Amino acid sequence: METYVDAVGVDTAATTTTDTTEKQNKRKLKVMVAIDESKNSFYALEWAVEHLKDVMSAAPETGQEGGLLTLVHVNPFASATDSVPELMKKAGVQSTNLFTPALELCRAKMVKTETMILEGDPKEMICQAVEQTHVDLLVVGSRGLGMIKRAFLGSVSVYCAQHAKCPVLIVRPPREASSSK
């Protein structure tokens, strides 16, 4: 008898369960994806939606409710020269432009999605949001910084991997076609 661990960490005997029973027993995941204006964070969202859609999307034929994908964007601390109304206007326009393509992607894959806009230090606010919403998985993109730049600038993904209260998946950007030649 073969035994394996499925996507939610439950031991399942491969010879004693059928596909339909297995699909009905799987718990849908709550996944959070941190996004910003970078291509790498949007790529991380694309990767998560494509590779985790089976554990997030609804299954209308079985009547099973889907999981939840939370898109979180953190506006960093603002400069002292901006007034409060200017900051709110900038943040609203920026977040709308950021979330529109992300929500369209999720809608196309039938993934239930919610959005969160936070203000503060991105790495700390993302970890706080993870703890408050009790997500099963945090997905973040990687900027691909070298060791020296990462030491000076800090890394949101590394901080989250060390401090988040759930598993963290860091999605590296795809290699450029020109670098493979």
C-alpha atoms as a PDB file:
ATOM      1  CA  MET A   1       0.000   0.000   0.000  1.00  0.00           C
ATOM      2  CA  GLU A   2       1.414   3.395  -1.001  1.00  0.00           C
ATOM      3  CA  THR A   3       0.986   6.377   1.286  1.00  0.00           C
ATOM      4  CA  TYR A   4       1.642   9.969   0.313  1.00  0.00           C
ATOM      5  CA  VAL A   5       1.037  13.412   1.750  1.00  0.00           C
ATOM      6  CA  ASP A   6      -1.327  15.588  -0.260  1.00  0.00           C
ATOM      7  CA  ALA A   7      -1.219  19.399  -0.628  1.00  0.00           C
ATOM      8  CA  VAL A   8      -2.722  20.014   2.802  1.00  0.00           C
ATOM      9  CA  GLY A   9      -0.476  17.624   4.715  1.00  0.00           C
ATOM     10  CA  VAL A  10      -2.893  14.741   5.264  1.00  0.00           C
ATOM     11  CA  ASP A  11      -1.636  11.178   4.856  1.00  0.00           C
ATOM     12  CA  THR A  12      -3.703   9.500   2.187  1.00  0.00           C
ATOM     13  CA  ALA A  13      -3.584   5.850   1.216  1.00  0.00           C
ATOM     14  CA  ALA A  14      -3.413   5.806  -2.568  1.00  0.00           C
ATOM     15  CA  THR A  15      -4.964   2.360  -2.918  1.00  0.00           C
ATOM     16  CA  THR A  16      -8.006   2.950  -0.691  1.00  0.00           C
ATOM     17  CA  THR A  17      -9.333   6.340  -1.798  1.00  0.00           C
ATOM     18  CA  THR A  18     -11.009   7.286  -5.025  1.00  0.00           C
ATOM     19  CA  ASP A  19     -10.487  10.533  -6.891  1.00  0.00           C
ATOM     20  CA  THR A  20     -13.934  11.869  -6.003  1.00  0.00           C
ATOM     21  CA  THR A  21     -13.569  11.152  -2.291  1.00  0.00           C
ATOM     22  CA  GLU A  22     -10.125  12.691  -2.279  1.00  0.00           C
ATOM     23  CA  LYS A  23     -11.336  15.864  -4.021  1.00  0.00           C
ATOM     24  CA  GLN A  24     -14.205  16.255  -1.572  1.00  0.00           C
ATOM     25  CA  ASN A  25     -11.958  15.861   1.484  1.00  0.00           C
ATOM     26  CA  LYS A  26      -9.296  18.382   0.448  1.00  0.00           C
ATOM     27  CA  ARG A  27      -9.467  21.636   2.325  1.00  0.00           C
ATOM     28  CA  LYS A  28      -9.211  24.747   0.205  1.00  0.00           C
ATOM     29  CA  LEU A  29      -6.296  27.008   1.094  1.00  0.00           C
ATOM     30  CA  LYS A  30      -6.175  30.637   2.132  1.00  0.00           C
ATOM     31  CA  VAL A  31      -3.251  32.153   0.231  1.00  0.00           C
ATOM     32  CA  MET A  32      -1.869  35.683   0.481  1.00  0.00           C
ATOM     33  CA  VAL A  33       0.169  37.230  -2.326  1.00  0.00           C
ATOM     34  CA  ALA A  34       2.093  40.431  -1.654  1.00  0.00           C
ATOM     35  CA  ILE A  35       2.171  42.681  -4.709  1.00  0.00           C
ATOM     36  CA  ASP A  36       3.737  45.999  -5.597  1.00  0.00           C
ATOM     37  CA  GLU A  37       4.527  47.807  -8.840  1.00  0.00           C
ATOM     38  CA  SER A  38       7.291  45.396  -9.863  1.00  0.00           C
ATOM     39  CA  LYS A  39       7.055  42.804 -12.620  1.00  0.00           C
ATOM     40  CA  ASN A  40       8.438  40.221 -10.197  1.00  0.00           C
ATOM     41  CA  SER A  41       5.521  40.541  -7.794  1.00  0.00           C
ATOM     42  CA  PHE A  42       3.001  40.220 -10.622  1.00  0.00           C
ATOM     43  CA  TYR A  43       4.888  37.175 -11.872  1.00  0.00           C
ATOM     44  CA  ALA A  44       4.603  35.699  -8.353  1.00  0.00           C
ATOM     45  CA  LEU A  45       0.832  36.258  -8.516  1.00  0.00           C
ATOM     46  CA  GLU A  46       0.639  34.616 -11.948  1.00  0.00           C
ATOM     47  CA  TRP A  47       2.663  31.670 -10.662  1.00  0.00           C
ATOM     48  CA  ALA A  48       0.461  31.270  -7.590  1.00  0.00           C
ATOM     49  CA  VAL A  49      -2.784  31.425  -9.551  1.00  0.00           C
ATOM     50  CA  GLU A  50      -1.535  28.950 -12.140  1.00  0.00           C
ATOM     51  CA  HIS A  51       0.088  26.433  -9.799  1.00  0.00           C
ATOM     52  CA  LEU A  52      -2.244  26.681  -6.805  1.00  0.00           C
ATOM     53  CA  LYS A  53      -5.557  27.031  -8.642  1.00  0.00           C
ATOM     54  CA  ASP A  54      -6.574  23.455  -7.741  1.00  0.00           C
ATOM     55  CA  VAL A  55      -6.439  24.237  -4.028  1.00  0.00           C
ATOM     56  CA  MET A  56      -7.924  27.734  -4.345  1.00  0.00           C
ATOM     57  CA  SER A  57     -10.572  27.770  -7.080  1.00  0.00           C
ATOM     58  CA  ALA A  58     -14.193  26.799  -6.572  1.00  0.00           C
ATOM     59  CA  ALA A  59     -15.453  23.480  -7.935  1.00  0.00           C
ATOM     60  CA  PRO A  60     -19.023  24.172  -9.119  1.00  0.00           C
ATOM     61  CA  GLU A  61     -19.601  20.553 -10.232  1.00  0.00           C
ATOM     62  CA  THR A  62     -19.066  19.251  -6.678  1.00  0.00           C
ATOM     63  CA  GLY A  63     -20.613  22.218  -4.893  1.00  0.00           C
ATOM     64  CA  GLN A  64     -17.336  22.719  -3.031  1.00  0.00           C
ATOM     65  CA  GLU A  65     -16.490  26.255  -2.046  1.00  0.00           C
ATOM     66  CA  GLY A  66     -13.122  27.586  -3.158  1.00  0.00           C
ATOM     67  CA  GLY A  67     -10.277  28.891  -1.085  1.00  0.00           C
ATOM     68  CA  LEU A  68      -9.383  32.532  -0.809  1.00  0.00           C
ATOM     69  CA  LEU A  69      -6.583  34.528  -2.387  1.00  0.00           C
ATOM     70  CA  THR A  70      -5.753  37.755  -0.588  1.00  0.00           C
ATOM     71  CA  LEU A  71      -3.828  40.373  -2.532  1.00  0.00           C
ATOM     72  CA  VAL A  72      -1.966  42.676  -0.174  1.00  0.00           C
ATOM     73  CA  HIS A  73      -0.252  45.905  -1.145  1.00  0.00           C
ATOM     74  CA  VAL A  74       1.655  48.042   1.342  1.00  0.00           C
ATOM     75  CA  ASN A  75       2.206  51.732   0.698  1.00  0.00           C
ATOM     76  CA  PRO A  76       5.557  52.592   2.310  1.00  0.00           C
ATOM     77  CA  PHE A  77       5.855  55.524   4.661  1.00  0.00           C
ATOM     78  CA  ALA A  78       5.231  58.772   2.817  1.00  0.00           C
ATOM     79  CA  SER A  79       7.522  61.730   2.585  1.00  0.00           C
ATOM     80  CA  ALA A  80       6.948  64.673   4.937  1.00  0.00           C
ATOM     81  CA  THR A  81       6.279  67.044   2.036  1.00  0.00           C
ATOM     82  CA  ASP A  82       3.010  65.371   1.002  1.00  0.00           C
ATOM     83  CA  SER A  83      -0.258  66.460   2.580  1.00  0.00           C
ATOM     84  CA  VAL A  84      -2.755  63.875   3.837  1.00  0.00           C
ATOM     85  CA  PRO A  85      -5.292  64.429   0.985  1.00  0.00           C
ATOM     86  CA  GLU A  86      -2.496  64.152  -1.606  1.00  0.00           C
ATOM     87  CA  LEU A  87      -1.278  60.906  -0.031  1.00  0.00           C
ATOM     88  CA  MET A  88      -4.764  59.391   0.007  1.00  0.00           C
ATOM     89  CA  LYS A  89      -5.329  60.337  -3.629  1.00  0.00           C
ATOM     90  CA  LYS A  90      -1.953  58.907  -4.718  1.00  0.00           C
ATOM     91  CA  ALA A  91      -2.478  55.692  -2.764  1.00  0.00           C
ATOM     92  CA  GLY A  92      -5.995  55.185  -4.149  1.00  0.00           C
ATOM     93  CA  VAL A  93      -5.004  55.694  -7.793  1.00  0.00           C
ATOM     94  CA  GLN A  94      -1.857  53.627  -7.432  1.00  0.00           C
ATOM     95  CA  SER A  95      -3.659  50.729  -5.744  1.00  0.00           C
ATOM     96  CA  THR A  96      -6.508  50.750  -8.272  1.00  0.00           C
ATOM     97  CA  ASN A  97      -4.030  50.588 -11.153  1.00  0.00           C
ATOM     98  CA  LEU A  98      -2.144  47.837  -9.365  1.00  0.00           C
ATOM     99  CA  PHE A  99      -5.141  45.665  -8.448  1.00  0.00           C
ATOM    100  CA  THR A 100      -7.049  45.891 -11.755  1.00  0.00           C
ATOM    101  CA  PRO A 101      -4.891  43.469 -13.803  1.00  0.00           C
ATOM    102  CA  ALA A 102      -4.381  41.242 -10.757  1.00  0.00           C
ATOM    103  CA  LEU A 103      -8.123  40.914 -10.143  1.00  0.00           C
ATOM    104  CA  GLU A 104      -8.770  40.234 -13.842  1.00  0.00           C
ATOM    105  CA  LEU A 105      -6.250  37.380 -13.744  1.00  0.00           C
ATOM    106  CA  CYS A 106      -7.873  35.864 -10.652  1.00  0.00           C
ATOM    107  CA  ARG A 107     -11.381  36.237 -12.055  1.00  0.00           C
ATOM    108  CA  ALA A 108     -10.354  34.433 -15.253  1.00  0.00           C
ATOM    109  CA  LYS A 109      -9.154  31.434 -13.184  1.00  0.00           C
ATOM    110  CA  MET A 110     -12.284  31.482 -10.948  1.00  0.00           C
ATOM    111  CA  VAL A 111     -10.264  32.261  -7.815  1.00  0.00           C
ATOM    112  CA  LYS A 112     -12.122  34.056  -5.023  1.00  0.00           C
ATOM    113  CA  THR A 113     -10.075  37.157  -4.252  1.00  0.00           C
ATOM    114  CA  GLU A 114      -9.976  39.943  -1.693  1.00  0.00           C
ATOM    115  CA  THR A 115      -7.654  42.934  -1.522  1.00  0.00           C
ATOM    116  CA  MET A 116      -5.882  44.662   1.346  1.00  0.00           C
ATOM    117  CA  ILE A 117      -4.140  48.025   1.225  1.00  0.00           C
ATOM    118  CA  LEU A 118      -1.897  48.768   4.176  1.00  0.00           C
ATOM    119  CA  GLU A 119       0.508  51.553   5.068  1.00  0.00           C
ATOM    120  CA  GLY A 120       3.875  51.256   6.760  1.00  0.00           C
ATOM    121  CA  ASP A 121       7.005  49.178   6.438  1.00  0.00           C
ATOM    122  CA  PRO A 122       6.117  46.508   3.827  1.00  0.00           C
ATOM    123  CA  LYS A 123       7.942  43.599   5.462  1.00  0.00           C
ATOM    124  CA  GLU A 124       6.415  44.215   8.893  1.00  0.00           C
ATOM    125  CA  MET A 125       2.916  44.962   7.596  1.00  0.00           C
ATOM    126  CA  ILE A 126       2.851  41.821   5.432  1.00  0.00           C
ATOM    127  CA  CYS A 127       3.809  39.664   8.425  1.00  0.00           C
ATOM    128  CA  GLN A 128       1.138  41.357  10.557  1.00  0.00           C
ATOM    129  CA  ALA A 129      -1.487  40.759   7.859  1.00  0.00           C
ATOM    130  CA  VAL A 130      -0.506  37.077   7.683  1.00  0.00           C
ATOM    131  CA  GLU A 131      -0.950  36.710  11.419  1.00  0.00           C
ATOM    132  CA  GLN A 132      -4.287  38.565  11.523  1.00  0.00           C
ATOM    133  CA  THR A 133      -5.889  36.737   8.589  1.00  0.00           C
ATOM    134  CA  HIS A 134      -4.574  33.250   9.458  1.00  0.00           C
ATOM    135  CA  VAL A 135      -3.517  32.405   5.894  1.00  0.00           C
ATOM    136  CA  ASP A 136      -2.105  29.000   5.014  1.00  0.00           C
ATOM    137  CA  LEU A 137       0.581  30.261   2.610  1.00  0.00           C
ATOM    138  CA  LEU A 138       2.289  33.572   1.816  1.00  0.00           C
ATOM    139  CA  VAL A 139       3.603  34.074  -1.724  1.00  0.00           C
ATOM    140  CA  VAL A 140       6.120  36.848  -2.423  1.00  0.00           C
ATOM    141  CA  GLY A 141       8.238  37.719  -5.412  1.00  0.00           C
ATOM    142  CA  SER A 142      11.997  37.995  -5.366  1.00  0.00           C
ATOM    143  CA  ARG A 143      13.794  41.040  -6.733  1.00  0.00           C
ATOM    144  CA  GLY A 144      16.869  38.983  -7.472  1.00  0.00           C
ATOM    145  CA  LEU A 145      19.247  41.203  -5.500  1.00  0.00           C
ATOM    146  CA  GLY A 146      22.786  40.088  -4.984  1.00  0.00           C
ATOM    147  CA  MET A 147      24.160  39.430  -1.519  1.00  0.00           C
ATOM    148  CA  ILE A 148      25.674  42.909  -1.063  1.00  0.00           C
ATOM    149  CA  LYS A 149      22.624  44.865  -2.264  1.00  0.00           C
ATOM    150  CA  ARG A 150      20.351  42.683  -0.142  1.00  0.00           C
ATOM    151  CA  ALA A 151      22.538  43.398   2.927  1.00  0.00           C
ATOM    152  CA  PHE A 152      22.237  47.169   2.439  1.00  0.00           C
ATOM    153  CA  LEU A 153      18.680  47.448   1.137  1.00  0.00           C
ATOM    154  CA  GLY A 154      17.098  44.606   3.053  1.00  0.00           C
ATOM    155  CA  SER A 155      14.813  42.020   1.541  1.00  0.00           C
ATOM    156  CA  VAL A 156      11.072  41.825   2.117  1.00  0.00           C
ATOM    157  CA  SER A 157      10.994  38.197   1.004  1.00  0.00           C
ATOM    158  CA  VAL A 158      13.796  37.105   3.354  1.00  0.00           C
ATOM    159  CA  TYR A 159      12.236  38.990   6.276  1.00  0.00           C
ATOM    160  CA  CYS A 160       8.854  37.364   5.600  1.00  0.00           C
ATOM    161  CA  ALA A 161      10.440  33.917   5.301  1.00  0.00           C
ATOM    162  CA  GLN A 162      11.998  34.385   8.740  1.00  0.00           C
ATOM    163  CA  HIS A 163       9.109  36.112  10.553  1.00  0.00           C
ATOM    164  CA  ALA A 164       5.771  35.137   8.973  1.00  0.00           C
ATOM    165  CA  LYS A 165       3.560  32.770  10.966  1.00  0.00           C
ATOM    166  CA  CYS A 166       2.901  30.503   7.958  1.00  0.00           C
ATOM    167  CA  PRO A 167       4.898  28.845   5.164  1.00  0.00           C
ATOM    168  CA  VAL A 168       6.366  31.336   2.676  1.00  0.00           C
ATOM    169  CA  LEU A 169       6.884  30.679  -1.016  1.00  0.00           C
ATOM    170  CA  ILE A 170       9.406  32.984  -2.699  1.00  0.00           C
ATOM    171  CA  VAL A 171       8.918  33.021  -6.458  1.00  0.00           C
ATOM    172  CA  ARG A 172      12.044  33.867  -8.407  1.00  0.00           C
ATOM    173  CA  PRO A 173      11.651  35.792 -11.647  1.00  0.00           C
ATOM    174  CA  PRO A 174      11.929  33.803 -14.866  1.00  0.00           C
ATOM    175  CA  ARG A 175      15.273  33.765 -16.593  1.00  0.00           C
ATOM    176  CA  GLU A 176      15.522  36.070 -19.565  1.00  0.00           C
ATOM    177  CA  ALA A 177      15.574  34.374 -22.957  1.00  0.00           C
ATOM    178  CA  SER A 178      18.806  36.150 -23.838  1.00  0.00           C
ATOM    179  CA  SER A 179      20.671  34.771 -20.811  1.00  0.00           C
ATOM    180  CA  SER A 180      20.084  31.164 -21.874  1.00  0.00           C
ATOM    181  CA  LYS A 181      22.054  31.577 -25.097  1.00  0.00           C
END
